Amino acid sequence: MSVKIELQNIISGNGEVRFGSTIQTINNYLRREKEAVSSTTNSEFKKAEETACLLKYIHKNNLWYESPDESKYIGEWAEQKIYKHDDPDYVLKLNSTVYYEYWEDYFNNLLLHN
């Protein structure tokens, strides 16, 4: 399969998400945090709160990914920028989630298409 077809599959949501179990774990973490905050404060858990939780989780679990090598840039579509991955079977997809009200919605969408 050509890189172009693989890229189209990933952008359209039909491609494989390499770290599905990690995404599920993070999504479950966000859900628990949202429930804990909502039950104690009766306030809405917005994307800003989700982002703070994500940053805390990412830091604690050392999940930071270095900035992509710009020389590996392939292209972009809507809210995604696509880069070649060191493993030729994969690409790196950065997503701004601008079309999602919550990070949880974005992760659910990834898992749906995993």
PDB file of N, CA and C in Angstrom:
ATOM      1  N   MET A   1       0.858  -1.181   0.000  1.00  0.00           N
ATOM      2  CA  MET A   1       0.000   0.000   0.000  1.00  0.00           C
ATOM      3  C   MET A   1       0.900   1.238   0.000  1.00  0.00           C
ATOM      4  N   SER A   2       0.569   2.211  -0.820  1.00  0.00           N
ATOM      5  CA  SER A   2       1.395   3.412  -0.906  1.00  0.00           C
ATOM      6  C   SER A   2       1.209   4.294   0.323  1.00  0.00           C
ATOM      7  N   VAL A   3       2.202   5.136   0.585  1.00  0.00           N
ATOM      8  CA  VAL A   3       2.128   6.069   1.718  1.00  0.00           C
ATOM      9  C   VAL A   3       0.915   6.985   1.557  1.00  0.00           C
ATOM     10  N   LYS A   4       0.623   7.394   0.336  1.00  0.00           N
ATOM     11  CA  LYS A   4      -0.519   8.282   0.090  1.00  0.00           C
ATOM     12  C   LYS A   4      -1.834   7.620   0.509  1.00  0.00           C
ATOM     13  N   ILE A   5      -2.029   6.358   0.155  1.00  0.00           N
ATOM     14  CA  ILE A   5      -3.260   5.648   0.519  1.00  0.00           C
ATOM     15  C   ILE A   5      -3.318   5.439   2.031  1.00  0.00           C
ATOM     16  N   GLU A   6      -2.172   5.063   2.644  1.00  0.00           N
ATOM     17  CA  GLU A   6      -2.136   4.890   4.096  1.00  0.00           C
ATOM     18  C   GLU A   6      -2.484   6.198   4.799  1.00  0.00           C
ATOM     19  N   LEU A   7      -1.922   7.287   4.302  1.00  0.00           N
ATOM     20  CA  LEU A   7      -2.190   8.606   4.875  1.00  0.00           C
ATOM     21  C   LEU A   7      -3.672   8.958   4.749  1.00  0.00           C
ATOM     22  N   GLN A   8      -4.262   8.695   3.601  1.00  0.00           N
ATOM     23  CA  GLN A   8      -5.689   8.953   3.415  1.00  0.00           C
ATOM     24  C   GLN A   8      -6.528   8.113   4.376  1.00  0.00           C
ATOM     25  N   ASN A   9      -6.137   6.867   4.597  1.00  0.00           N
ATOM     26  CA  ASN A   9      -6.856   6.001   5.540  1.00  0.00           C
ATOM     27  C   ASN A   9      -6.783   6.549   6.958  1.00  0.00           C
ATOM     28  N   ILE A  10      -5.625   7.023   7.362  1.00  0.00           N
ATOM     29  CA  ILE A  10      -5.470   7.559   8.716  1.00  0.00           C
ATOM     30  C   ILE A  10      -6.263   8.842   8.874  1.00  0.00           C
ATOM     31  N   ILE A  11      -6.142   9.745   7.919  1.00  0.00           N
ATOM     32  CA  ILE A  11      -6.868  11.016   7.994  1.00  0.00           C
ATOM     33  C   ILE A  11      -8.369  10.787   8.005  1.00  0.00           C
ATOM     34  N   SER A  12      -8.846   9.830   7.233  1.00  0.00           N
ATOM     35  CA  SER A  12     -10.283   9.566   7.165  1.00  0.00           C
ATOM     36  C   SER A  12     -10.793   8.797   8.379  1.00  0.00           C
ATOM     37  N   GLY A  13      -9.861   8.336   9.227  1.00  0.00           N
ATOM     38  CA  GLY A  13     -10.268   7.585  10.414  1.00  0.00           C
ATOM     39  C   GLY A  13     -10.322   6.090  10.198  1.00  0.00           C
ATOM     40  N   ASN A  14      -9.905   5.615   9.019  1.00  0.00           N
ATOM     41  CA  ASN A  14      -9.949   4.183   8.724  1.00  0.00           C
ATOM     42  C   ASN A  14      -8.625   3.483   8.990  1.00  0.00           C
ATOM     43  N   GLY A  15      -7.599   4.237   9.386  1.00  0.00           N
ATOM     44  CA  GLY A  15      -6.290   3.641   9.648  1.00  0.00           C
ATOM     45  C   GLY A  15      -6.167   3.161  11.083  1.00  0.00           C
ATOM     46  N   GLU A  16      -5.121   2.393  11.319  1.00  0.00           N
ATOM     47  CA  GLU A  16      -4.873   1.828  12.648  1.00  0.00           C
ATOM     48  C   GLU A  16      -4.246   2.871  13.561  1.00  0.00           C
ATOM     49  N   VAL A  17      -4.687   2.912  14.802  1.00  0.00           N
ATOM     50  CA  VAL A  17      -4.085   3.767  15.806  1.00  0.00           C
ATOM     51  C   VAL A  17      -3.119   2.896  16.588  1.00  0.00           C
ATOM     52  N   ARG A  18      -1.853   3.216  16.508  1.00  0.00           N
ATOM     53  CA  ARG A  18      -0.805   2.350  17.043  1.00  0.00           C
ATOM     54  C   ARG A  18      -0.907   2.149  18.554  1.00  0.00           C
ATOM     55  N   PHE A  19      -1.270   3.170  19.305  1.00  0.00           N
ATOM     56  CA  PHE A  19      -1.259   3.089  20.762  1.00  0.00           C
ATOM     57  C   PHE A  19      -2.678   3.101  21.325  1.00  0.00           C
ATOM     58  N   GLY A  20      -3.533   2.229  20.809  1.00  0.00           N
ATOM     59  CA  GLY A  20      -4.930   2.181  21.231  1.00  0.00           C
ATOM     60  C   GLY A  20      -5.102   1.949  22.713  1.00  0.00           C
ATOM     61  N   SER A  21      -4.298   1.072  23.324  1.00  0.00           N
ATOM     62  CA  SER A  21      -4.452   0.809  24.758  1.00  0.00           C
ATOM     63  C   SER A  21      -4.040   2.016  25.580  1.00  0.00           C
ATOM     64  N   THR A  22      -3.036   2.749  25.142  1.00  0.00           N
ATOM     65  CA  THR A  22      -2.628   3.973  25.839  1.00  0.00           C
ATOM     66  C   THR A  22      -3.737   5.017  25.744  1.00  0.00           C
ATOM     67  N   ILE A  23      -4.333   5.139  24.585  1.00  0.00           N
ATOM     68  CA  ILE A  23      -5.426   6.097  24.400  1.00  0.00           C
ATOM     69  C   ILE A  23      -6.596   5.727  25.305  1.00  0.00           C
ATOM     70  N   GLN A  24      -6.927   4.452  25.376  1.00  0.00           N
ATOM     71  CA  GLN A  24      -8.021   4.001  26.237  1.00  0.00           C
ATOM     72  C   GLN A  24      -7.713   4.299  27.705  1.00  0.00           C
ATOM     73  N   THR A  25      -6.488   4.066  28.122  1.00  0.00           N
ATOM     74  CA  THR A  25      -6.081   4.333  29.504  1.00  0.00           C
ATOM     75  C   THR A  25      -6.211   5.815  29.825  1.00  0.00           C
ATOM     76  N   ILE A  26      -5.741   6.658  28.928  1.00  0.00           N
ATOM     77  CA  ILE A  26      -5.833   8.108  29.138  1.00  0.00           C
ATOM     78  C   ILE A  26      -7.287   8.543  29.148  1.00  0.00           C
ATOM     79  N   ASN A  27      -8.088   7.995  28.255  1.00  0.00           N
ATOM     80  CA  ASN A  27      -9.504   8.346  28.196  1.00  0.00           C
ATOM     81  C   ASN A  27     -10.217   7.953  29.493  1.00  0.00           C
ATOM     82  N   ASN A  28      -9.906   6.776  30.014  1.00  0.00           N
ATOM     83  CA  ASN A  28     -10.482   6.342  31.287  1.00  0.00           C
ATOM     84  C   ASN A  28     -10.045   7.258  32.428  1.00  0.00           C
ATOM     85  N   TYR A  29      -8.784   7.670  32.411  1.00  0.00           N
ATOM     86  CA  TYR A  29      -8.276   8.602  33.418  1.00  0.00           C
ATOM     87  C   TYR A  29      -9.063   9.914  33.372  1.00  0.00           C
ATOM     88  N   LEU A  30      -9.241  10.452  32.167  1.00  0.00           N
ATOM     89  CA  LEU A  30     -10.007  11.695  32.025  1.00  0.00           C
ATOM     90  C   LEU A  30     -11.436  11.539  32.536  1.00  0.00           C
ATOM     91  N   ARG A  31     -12.055  10.423  32.208  1.00  0.00           N
ATOM     92  CA  ARG A  31     -13.430  10.168  32.639  1.00  0.00           C
ATOM     93  C   ARG A  31     -13.524  10.137  34.175  1.00  0.00           C
ATOM     94  N   ARG A  32     -12.569   9.452  34.815  1.00  0.00           N
ATOM     95  CA  ARG A  32     -12.561   9.385  36.290  1.00  0.00           C
ATOM     96  C   ARG A  32     -12.344  10.769  36.902  1.00  0.00           C
ATOM     97  N   GLU A  33     -11.421  11.535  36.339  1.00  0.00           N
ATOM     98  CA  GLU A  33     -11.161  12.887  36.843  1.00  0.00           C
ATOM     99  C   GLU A  33     -12.398  13.774  36.685  1.00  0.00           C
ATOM    100  N   LYS A  34     -13.049  13.649  35.537  1.00  0.00           N
ATOM    101  CA  LYS A  34     -14.259  14.435  35.276  1.00  0.00           C
ATOM    102  C   LYS A  34     -15.347  14.083  36.283  1.00  0.00           C
ATOM    103  N   GLU A  35     -15.541  12.801  36.533  1.00  0.00           N
ATOM    104  CA  GLU A  35     -16.558  12.362  37.494  1.00  0.00           C
ATOM    105  C   GLU A  35     -16.227  12.841  38.902  1.00  0.00           C
ATOM    106  N   ALA A  36     -14.956  12.783  39.292  1.00  0.00           N
ATOM    107  CA  ALA A  36     -14.544  13.211  40.628  1.00  0.00           C
ATOM    108  C   ALA A  36     -14.770  14.705  40.820  1.00  0.00           C
ATOM    109  N   VAL A  37     -14.391  15.493  39.834  1.00  0.00           N
ATOM    110  CA  VAL A  37     -14.562  16.945  39.931  1.00  0.00           C
ATOM    111  C   VAL A  37     -16.040  17.312  39.913  1.00  0.00           C
ATOM    112  N   SER A  38     -16.784  16.701  39.012  1.00  0.00           N
ATOM    113  CA  SER A  38     -18.215  17.014  38.890  1.00  0.00           C
ATOM    114  C   SER A  38     -18.988  16.646  40.153  1.00  0.00           C
ATOM    115  N   SER A  39     -18.617  15.541  40.791  1.00  0.00           N
ATOM    116  CA  SER A  39     -19.362  15.115  41.980  1.00  0.00           C
ATOM    117  C   SER A  39     -19.041  15.969  43.205  1.00  0.00           C
ATOM    118  N   THR A  40     -17.864  16.557  43.248  1.00  0.00           N
ATOM    119  CA  THR A  40     -17.499  17.358  44.422  1.00  0.00           C
ATOM    120  C   THR A  40     -17.768  18.844  44.245  1.00  0.00           C
ATOM    121  N   THR A  41     -17.770  19.337  43.011  1.00  0.00           N
ATOM    122  CA  THR A  41     -17.924  20.786  42.817  1.00  0.00           C
ATOM    123  C   THR A  41     -19.200  21.185  42.093  1.00  0.00           C
ATOM    124  N   ASN A  42     -19.898  20.224  41.520  1.00  0.00           N
ATOM    125  CA  ASN A  42     -21.092  20.516  40.711  1.00  0.00           C
ATOM    126  C   ASN A  42     -20.806  21.509  39.587  1.00  0.00           C
ATOM    127  N   SER A  43     -19.562  21.537  39.116  1.00  0.00           N
ATOM    128  CA  SER A  43     -19.228  22.426  38.009  1.00  0.00           C
ATOM    129  C   SER A  43     -18.889  21.595  36.779  1.00  0.00           C
ATOM    130  N   GLU A  44     -18.999  22.236  35.633  1.00  0.00           N
ATOM    131  CA  GLU A  44     -18.731  21.548  34.375  1.00  0.00           C
ATOM    132  C   GLU A  44     -17.224  21.394  34.172  1.00  0.00           C
ATOM    133  N   PHE A  45     -16.818  20.253  33.700  1.00  0.00           N
ATOM    134  CA  PHE A  45     -15.423  19.937  33.420  1.00  0.00           C
ATOM    135  C   PHE A  45     -15.169  20.281  31.959  1.00  0.00           C
ATOM    136  N   LYS A  46     -14.553  21.424  31.707  1.00  0.00           N
ATOM    137  CA  LYS A  46     -14.363  21.901  30.336  1.00  0.00           C
ATOM    138  C   LYS A  46     -13.037  21.426  29.748  1.00  0.00           C
ATOM    139  N   LYS A  47     -12.833  21.764  28.486  1.00  0.00           N
ATOM    140  CA  LYS A  47     -11.626  21.311  27.797  1.00  0.00           C
ATOM    141  C   LYS A  47     -10.363  21.817  28.489  1.00  0.00           C
ATOM    142  N   ALA A  48     -10.416  23.003  29.060  1.00  0.00           N
ATOM    143  CA  ALA A  48      -9.246  23.536  29.774  1.00  0.00           C
ATOM    144  C   ALA A  48      -8.884  22.646  30.960  1.00  0.00           C
ATOM    145  N   GLU A  49      -9.887  22.165  31.683  1.00  0.00           N
ATOM    146  CA  GLU A  49      -9.640  21.254  32.805  1.00  0.00           C
ATOM    147  C   GLU A  49      -9.123  19.903  32.304  1.00  0.00           C
ATOM    148  N   GLU A  50      -9.692  19.447  31.189  1.00  0.00           N
ATOM    149  CA  GLU A  50      -9.210  18.200  30.585  1.00  0.00           C
ATOM    150  C   GLU A  50      -7.733  18.348  30.193  1.00  0.00           C
ATOM    151  N   THR A  51      -7.398  19.480  29.599  1.00  0.00           N
ATOM    152  CA  THR A  51      -6.024  19.729  29.170  1.00  0.00           C
ATOM    153  C   THR A  51      -5.076  19.702  30.366  1.00  0.00           C
ATOM    154  N   ALA A  52      -5.464  20.329  31.462  1.00  0.00           N
ATOM    155  CA  ALA A  52      -4.632  20.322  32.671  1.00  0.00           C
ATOM    156  C   ALA A  52      -4.430  18.896  33.172  1.00  0.00           C
ATOM    157  N   CYS A  53      -5.492  18.097  33.171  1.00  0.00           N
ATOM    158  CA  CYS A  53      -5.387  16.692  33.587  1.00  0.00           C
ATOM    159  C   CYS A  53      -4.484  15.911  32.646  1.00  0.00           C
ATOM    160  N   LEU A  54      -4.633  16.154  31.351  1.00  0.00           N
ATOM    161  CA  LEU A  54      -3.796  15.464  30.371  1.00  0.00           C
ATOM    162  C   LEU A  54      -2.325  15.799  30.579  1.00  0.00           C
ATOM    163  N   LEU A  55      -2.021  17.070  30.776  1.00  0.00           N
ATOM    164  CA  LEU A  55      -0.631  17.478  30.979  1.00  0.00           C
ATOM    165  C   LEU A  55      -0.048  16.806  32.220  1.00  0.00           C
ATOM    166  N   LYS A  56      -0.827  16.747  33.277  1.00  0.00           N
ATOM    167  CA  LYS A  56      -0.390  16.088  34.511  1.00  0.00           C
ATOM    168  C   LYS A  56      -0.118  14.597  34.243  1.00  0.00           C
ATOM    169  N   TYR A  57      -1.044  13.931  33.569  1.00  0.00           N
ATOM    170  CA  TYR A  57      -0.913  12.503  33.281  1.00  0.00           C
ATOM    171  C   TYR A  57       0.287  12.235  32.369  1.00  0.00           C
ATOM    172  N   ILE A  58       0.429  13.039  31.333  1.00  0.00           N
ATOM    173  CA  ILE A  58       1.517  12.870  30.366  1.00  0.00           C
ATOM    174  C   ILE A  58       2.864  13.047  31.059  1.00  0.00           C
ATOM    175  N   HIS A  59       2.964  14.064  31.902  1.00  0.00           N
ATOM    176  CA  HIS A  59       4.212  14.310  32.619  1.00  0.00           C
ATOM    177  C   HIS A  59       4.522  13.152  33.572  1.00  0.00           C
ATOM    178  N   LYS A  60       3.526  12.748  34.350  1.00  0.00           N
ATOM    179  CA  LYS A  60       3.711  11.674  35.338  1.00  0.00           C
ATOM    180  C   LYS A  60       4.132  10.366  34.680  1.00  0.00           C
ATOM    181  N   ASN A  61       3.604  10.071  33.499  1.00  0.00           N
ATOM    182  CA  ASN A  61       3.862   8.804  32.816  1.00  0.00           C
ATOM    183  C   ASN A  61       4.892   8.900  31.690  1.00  0.00           C
ATOM    184  N   ASN A  62       5.564  10.047  31.630  1.00  0.00           N
ATOM    185  CA  ASN A  62       6.626  10.264  30.645  1.00  0.00           C
ATOM    186  C   ASN A  62       6.176   9.920  29.221  1.00  0.00           C
ATOM    187  N   LEU A  63       5.072  10.512  28.822  1.00  0.00           N
ATOM    188  CA  LEU A  63       4.516  10.248  27.490  1.00  0.00           C
ATOM    189  C   LEU A  63       4.785  11.387  26.503  1.00  0.00           C
ATOM    190  N   TRP A  64       5.672  12.297  26.861  1.00  0.00           N
ATOM    191  CA  TRP A  64       5.972  13.398  25.954  1.00  0.00           C
ATOM    192  C   TRP A  64       6.606  12.884  24.683  1.00  0.00           C
ATOM    193  N   TYR A  65       6.231  13.471  23.589  1.00  0.00           N
ATOM    194  CA  TYR A  65       6.807  13.132  22.296  1.00  0.00           C
ATOM    195  C   TYR A  65       7.544  14.371  21.810  1.00  0.00           C
ATOM    196  N   GLU A  66       8.784  14.221  21.452  1.00  0.00           N
ATOM    197  CA  GLU A  66       9.572  15.359  20.978  1.00  0.00           C
ATOM    198  C   GLU A  66       8.910  15.968  19.738  1.00  0.00           C
ATOM    199  N   SER A  67       9.184  17.212  19.503  1.00  0.00           N
ATOM    200  CA  SER A  67       8.644  17.874  18.315  1.00  0.00           C
ATOM    201  C   SER A  67       9.082  17.106  17.077  1.00  0.00           C
ATOM    202  N   PRO A  68       8.193  17.002  16.115  1.00  0.00           N
ATOM    203  CA  PRO A  68       8.542  16.231  14.910  1.00  0.00           C
ATOM    204  C   PRO A  68       9.631  16.927  14.099  1.00  0.00           C
ATOM    205  N   ASP A  69      10.369  16.142  13.383  1.00  0.00           N
ATOM    206  CA  ASP A  69      11.400  16.640  12.484  1.00  0.00           C
ATOM    207  C   ASP A  69      10.696  17.246  11.270  1.00  0.00           C
ATOM    208  N   GLU A  70      10.847  18.545  11.099  1.00  0.00           N
ATOM    209  CA  GLU A  70      10.145  19.240  10.007  1.00  0.00           C
ATOM    210  C   GLU A  70      10.546  18.723   8.627  1.00  0.00           C
ATOM    211  N   SER A  71      11.712  18.102   8.539  1.00  0.00           N
ATOM    212  CA  SER A  71      12.122  17.555   7.236  1.00  0.00           C
ATOM    213  C   SER A  71      11.296  16.321   6.878  1.00  0.00           C
ATOM    214  N   LYS A  72      10.535  15.771   7.843  1.00  0.00           N
ATOM    215  CA  LYS A  72       9.694  14.603   7.604  1.00  0.00           C
ATOM    216  C   LYS A  72       8.226  14.977   7.380  1.00  0.00           C
ATOM    217  N   TYR A  73       7.974  16.254   7.247  1.00  0.00           N
ATOM    218  CA  TYR A  73       6.605  16.744   7.031  1.00  0.00           C
ATOM    219  C   TYR A  73       6.059  16.212   5.712  1.00  0.00           C
ATOM    220  N   ILE A  74       4.854  15.640   5.755  1.00  0.00           N
ATOM    221  CA  ILE A  74       4.205  15.119   4.551  1.00  0.00           C
ATOM    222  C   ILE A  74       3.138  16.090   4.066  1.00  0.00           C
ATOM    223  N   GLY A  75       2.294  16.549   4.973  1.00  0.00           N
ATOM    224  CA  GLY A  75       1.221  17.442   4.592  1.00  0.00           C
ATOM    225  C   GLY A  75       0.259  17.642   5.741  1.00  0.00           C
ATOM    226  N   GLU A  76      -0.827  18.332   5.456  1.00  0.00           N
ATOM    227  CA  GLU A  76      -1.826  18.557   6.502  1.00  0.00           C
ATOM    228  C   GLU A  76      -3.217  18.546   5.900  1.00  0.00           C
ATOM    229  N   TRP A  77      -4.164  18.302   6.790  1.00  0.00           N
ATOM    230  CA  TRP A  77      -5.557  18.207   6.391  1.00  0.00           C
ATOM    231  C   TRP A  77      -6.391  18.656   7.573  1.00  0.00           C
ATOM    232  N   ALA A  78      -7.241  19.630   7.389  1.00  0.00           N
ATOM    233  CA  ALA A  78      -8.126  20.127   8.440  1.00  0.00           C
ATOM    234  C   ALA A  78      -7.326  20.431   9.701  1.00  0.00           C
ATOM    235  N   GLU A  79      -7.486  19.608  10.742  1.00  0.00           N
ATOM    236  CA  GLU A  79      -6.829  19.881  12.017  1.00  0.00           C
ATOM    237  C   GLU A  79      -5.576  19.037  12.239  1.00  0.00           C
ATOM    238  N   GLN A  80      -5.133  18.285  11.230  1.00  0.00           N
ATOM    239  CA  GLN A  80      -3.997  17.388  11.399  1.00  0.00           C
ATOM    240  C   GLN A  80      -2.796  17.808  10.564  1.00  0.00           C
ATOM    241  N   LYS A  81      -1.619  17.564  11.136  1.00  0.00           N
ATOM    242  CA  LYS A  81      -0.369  17.665  10.395  1.00  0.00           C
ATOM    243  C   LYS A  81       0.236  16.262  10.424  1.00  0.00           C
ATOM    244  N   ILE A  82       0.756  15.815   9.275  1.00  0.00           N
ATOM    245  CA  ILE A  82       1.248  14.452   9.140  1.00  0.00           C
ATOM    246  C   ILE A  82       2.751  14.476   8.835  1.00  0.00           C
ATOM    247  N   TYR A  83       3.469  13.603   9.555  1.00  0.00           N
ATOM    248  CA  TYR A  83       4.912  13.483   9.397  1.00  0.00           C
ATOM    249  C   TYR A  83       5.276  12.014   9.195  1.00  0.00           C
ATOM    250  N   LYS A  84       6.350  11.763   8.464  1.00  0.00           N
ATOM    251  CA  LYS A  84       6.877  10.407   8.351  1.00  0.00           C
ATOM    252  C   LYS A  84       7.360   9.980   9.731  1.00  0.00           C
ATOM    253  N   HIS A  85       7.135   8.729  10.064  1.00  0.00           N
ATOM    254  CA  HIS A  85       7.610   8.155  11.324  1.00  0.00           C
ATOM    255  C   HIS A  85       8.910   7.415  11.037  1.00  0.00           C
ATOM    256  N   ASP A  86       9.728   7.209  12.064  1.00  0.00           N
ATOM    257  CA  ASP A  86      10.969   6.443  11.869  1.00  0.00           C
ATOM    258  C   ASP A  86      10.674   5.026  11.395  1.00  0.00           C
ATOM    259  N   ASP A  87       9.554   4.478  11.863  1.00  0.00           N
ATOM    260  CA  ASP A  87       9.108   3.163  11.410  1.00  0.00           C
ATOM    261  C   ASP A  87       8.310   3.386  10.125  1.00  0.00           C
ATOM    262  N   PRO A  88       8.766   2.866   8.987  1.00  0.00           N
ATOM    263  CA  PRO A  88       8.103   3.152   7.703  1.00  0.00           C
ATOM    264  C   PRO A  88       6.662   2.638   7.603  1.00  0.00           C
ATOM    265  N   ASP A  89       6.233   1.804   8.548  1.00  0.00           N
ATOM    266  CA  ASP A  89       4.859   1.312   8.527  1.00  0.00           C
ATOM    267  C   ASP A  89       3.880   2.304   9.139  1.00  0.00           C
ATOM    268  N   TYR A  90       4.385   3.405   9.696  1.00  0.00           N
ATOM    269  CA  TYR A  90       3.530   4.357  10.411  1.00  0.00           C
ATOM    270  C   TYR A  90       3.843   5.789  10.016  1.00  0.00           C
ATOM    271  N   VAL A  91       2.927   6.671  10.358  1.00  0.00           N
ATOM    272  CA  VAL A  91       3.146   8.107  10.259  1.00  0.00           C
ATOM    273  C   VAL A  91       2.834   8.709  11.624  1.00  0.00           C
ATOM    274  N   LEU A  92       3.303   9.928  11.857  1.00  0.00           N
ATOM    275  CA  LEU A  92       3.005  10.669  13.071  1.00  0.00           C
ATOM    276  C   LEU A  92       1.948  11.703  12.715  1.00  0.00           C
ATOM    277  N   LYS A  93       0.847  11.685  13.429  1.00  0.00           N
ATOM    278  CA  LYS A  93      -0.266  12.589  13.145  1.00  0.00           C
ATOM    279  C   LYS A  93      -0.453  13.506  14.357  1.00  0.00           C
ATOM    280  N   LEU A  94      -0.263  14.782  14.160  1.00  0.00           N
ATOM    281  CA  LEU A  94      -0.512  15.765  15.211  1.00  0.00           C
ATOM    282  C   LEU A  94      -1.882  16.376  14.964  1.00  0.00           C
ATOM    283  N   ASN A  95      -2.676  16.474  16.010  1.00  0.00           N
ATOM    284  CA  ASN A  95      -4.045  16.949  15.854  1.00  0.00           C
ATOM    285  C   ASN A  95      -4.311  18.071  16.845  1.00  0.00           C
ATOM    286  N   SER A  96      -4.844  19.163  16.382  1.00  0.00           N
ATOM    287  CA  SER A  96      -5.130  20.308  17.243  1.00  0.00           C
ATOM    288  C   SER A  96      -6.451  20.150  17.993  1.00  0.00           C
ATOM    289  N   THR A  97      -7.277  19.211  17.626  1.00  0.00           N
ATOM    290  CA  THR A  97      -8.612  18.939  18.182  1.00  0.00           C
ATOM    291  C   THR A  97      -9.527  20.157  18.138  1.00  0.00           C
ATOM    292  N   VAL A  98      -9.288  21.045  17.207  1.00  0.00           N
ATOM    293  CA  VAL A  98     -10.097  22.257  17.103  1.00  0.00           C
ATOM    294  C   VAL A  98     -11.572  21.936  16.830  1.00  0.00           C
ATOM    295  N   TYR A  99     -11.850  20.791  16.230  1.00  0.00           N
ATOM    296  CA  TYR A  99     -13.228  20.424  15.914  1.00  0.00           C
ATOM    297  C   TYR A  99     -13.911  19.630  17.021  1.00  0.00           C
ATOM    298  N   TYR A 100     -13.217  19.451  18.139  1.00  0.00           N
ATOM    299  CA  TYR A 100     -13.769  18.687  19.260  1.00  0.00           C
ATOM    300  C   TYR A 100     -13.945  19.596  20.471  1.00  0.00           C
ATOM    301  N   GLU A 101     -15.105  19.492  21.101  1.00  0.00           N
ATOM    302  CA  GLU A 101     -15.367  20.306  22.286  1.00  0.00           C
ATOM    303  C   GLU A 101     -14.568  19.806  23.479  1.00  0.00           C
ATOM    304  N   TYR A 102     -14.326  18.490  23.516  1.00  0.00           N
ATOM    305  CA  TYR A 102     -13.594  17.875  24.619  1.00  0.00           C
ATOM    306  C   TYR A 102     -12.535  16.918  24.087  1.00  0.00           C
ATOM    307  N   TRP A 103     -11.446  16.771  24.841  1.00  0.00           N
ATOM    308  CA  TRP A 103     -10.426  15.784  24.498  1.00  0.00           C
ATOM    309  C   TRP A 103     -11.027  14.385  24.525  1.00  0.00           C
ATOM    310  N   GLU A 104     -11.901  14.142  25.469  1.00  0.00           N
ATOM    311  CA  GLU A 104     -12.527  12.823  25.578  1.00  0.00           C
ATOM    312  C   GLU A 104     -13.241  12.450  24.275  1.00  0.00           C
ATOM    313  N   ASP A 105     -13.898  13.410  23.641  1.00  0.00           N
ATOM    314  CA  ASP A 105     -14.561  13.161  22.354  1.00  0.00           C
ATOM    315  C   ASP A 105     -13.547  12.761  21.287  1.00  0.00           C
ATOM    316  N   TYR A 106     -12.419  13.444  21.283  1.00  0.00           N
ATOM    317  CA  TYR A 106     -11.363  13.139  20.310  1.00  0.00           C
ATOM    318  C   TYR A 106     -10.834  11.718  20.518  1.00  0.00           C
ATOM    319  N   PHE A 107     -10.538  11.366  21.780  1.00  0.00           N
ATOM    320  CA  PHE A 107     -10.023  10.026  22.062  1.00  0.00           C
ATOM    321  C   PHE A 107     -11.054   8.951  21.725  1.00  0.00           C
ATOM    322  N   ASN A 108     -12.322   9.229  22.023  1.00  0.00           N
ATOM    323  CA  ASN A 108     -13.377   8.272  21.665  1.00  0.00           C
ATOM    324  C   ASN A 108     -13.422   8.047  20.163  1.00  0.00           C
ATOM    325  N   ASN A 109     -13.245   9.118  19.405  1.00  0.00           N
ATOM    326  CA  ASN A 109     -13.250   9.016  17.950  1.00  0.00           C
ATOM    327  C   ASN A 109     -12.067   8.165  17.485  1.00  0.00           C
ATOM    328  N   LEU A 110     -10.887   8.367  18.069  1.00  0.00           N
ATOM    329  CA  LEU A 110      -9.737   7.547  17.708  1.00  0.00           C
ATOM    330  C   LEU A 110      -9.988   6.078  17.985  1.00  0.00           C
ATOM    331  N   LEU A 111     -10.570   5.816  19.156  1.00  0.00           N
ATOM    332  CA  LEU A 111     -10.816   4.427  19.545  1.00  0.00           C
ATOM    333  C   LEU A 111     -11.885   3.763  18.683  1.00  0.00           C
ATOM    334  N   LEU A 112     -12.842   4.551  18.249  1.00  0.00           N
ATOM    335  CA  LEU A 112     -13.885   4.017  17.377  1.00  0.00           C
ATOM    336  C   LEU A 112     -13.301   3.491  16.077  1.00  0.00           C
ATOM    337  N   HIS A 113     -12.275   4.160  15.626  1.00  0.00           N
ATOM    338  CA  HIS A 113     -11.673   3.809  14.336  1.00  0.00           C
ATOM    339  C   HIS A 113     -10.407   2.995  14.497  1.00  0.00           C
ATOM    340  N   ASN A 114     -10.139   2.496  15.693  1.00  0.00           N
ATOM    341  CA  ASN A 114      -8.936   1.709  15.946  1.00  0.00           C
ATOM    342  C   ASN A 114      -9.136   0.266  15.521  1.00  0.00           C
TER     343      ASN A 114
END
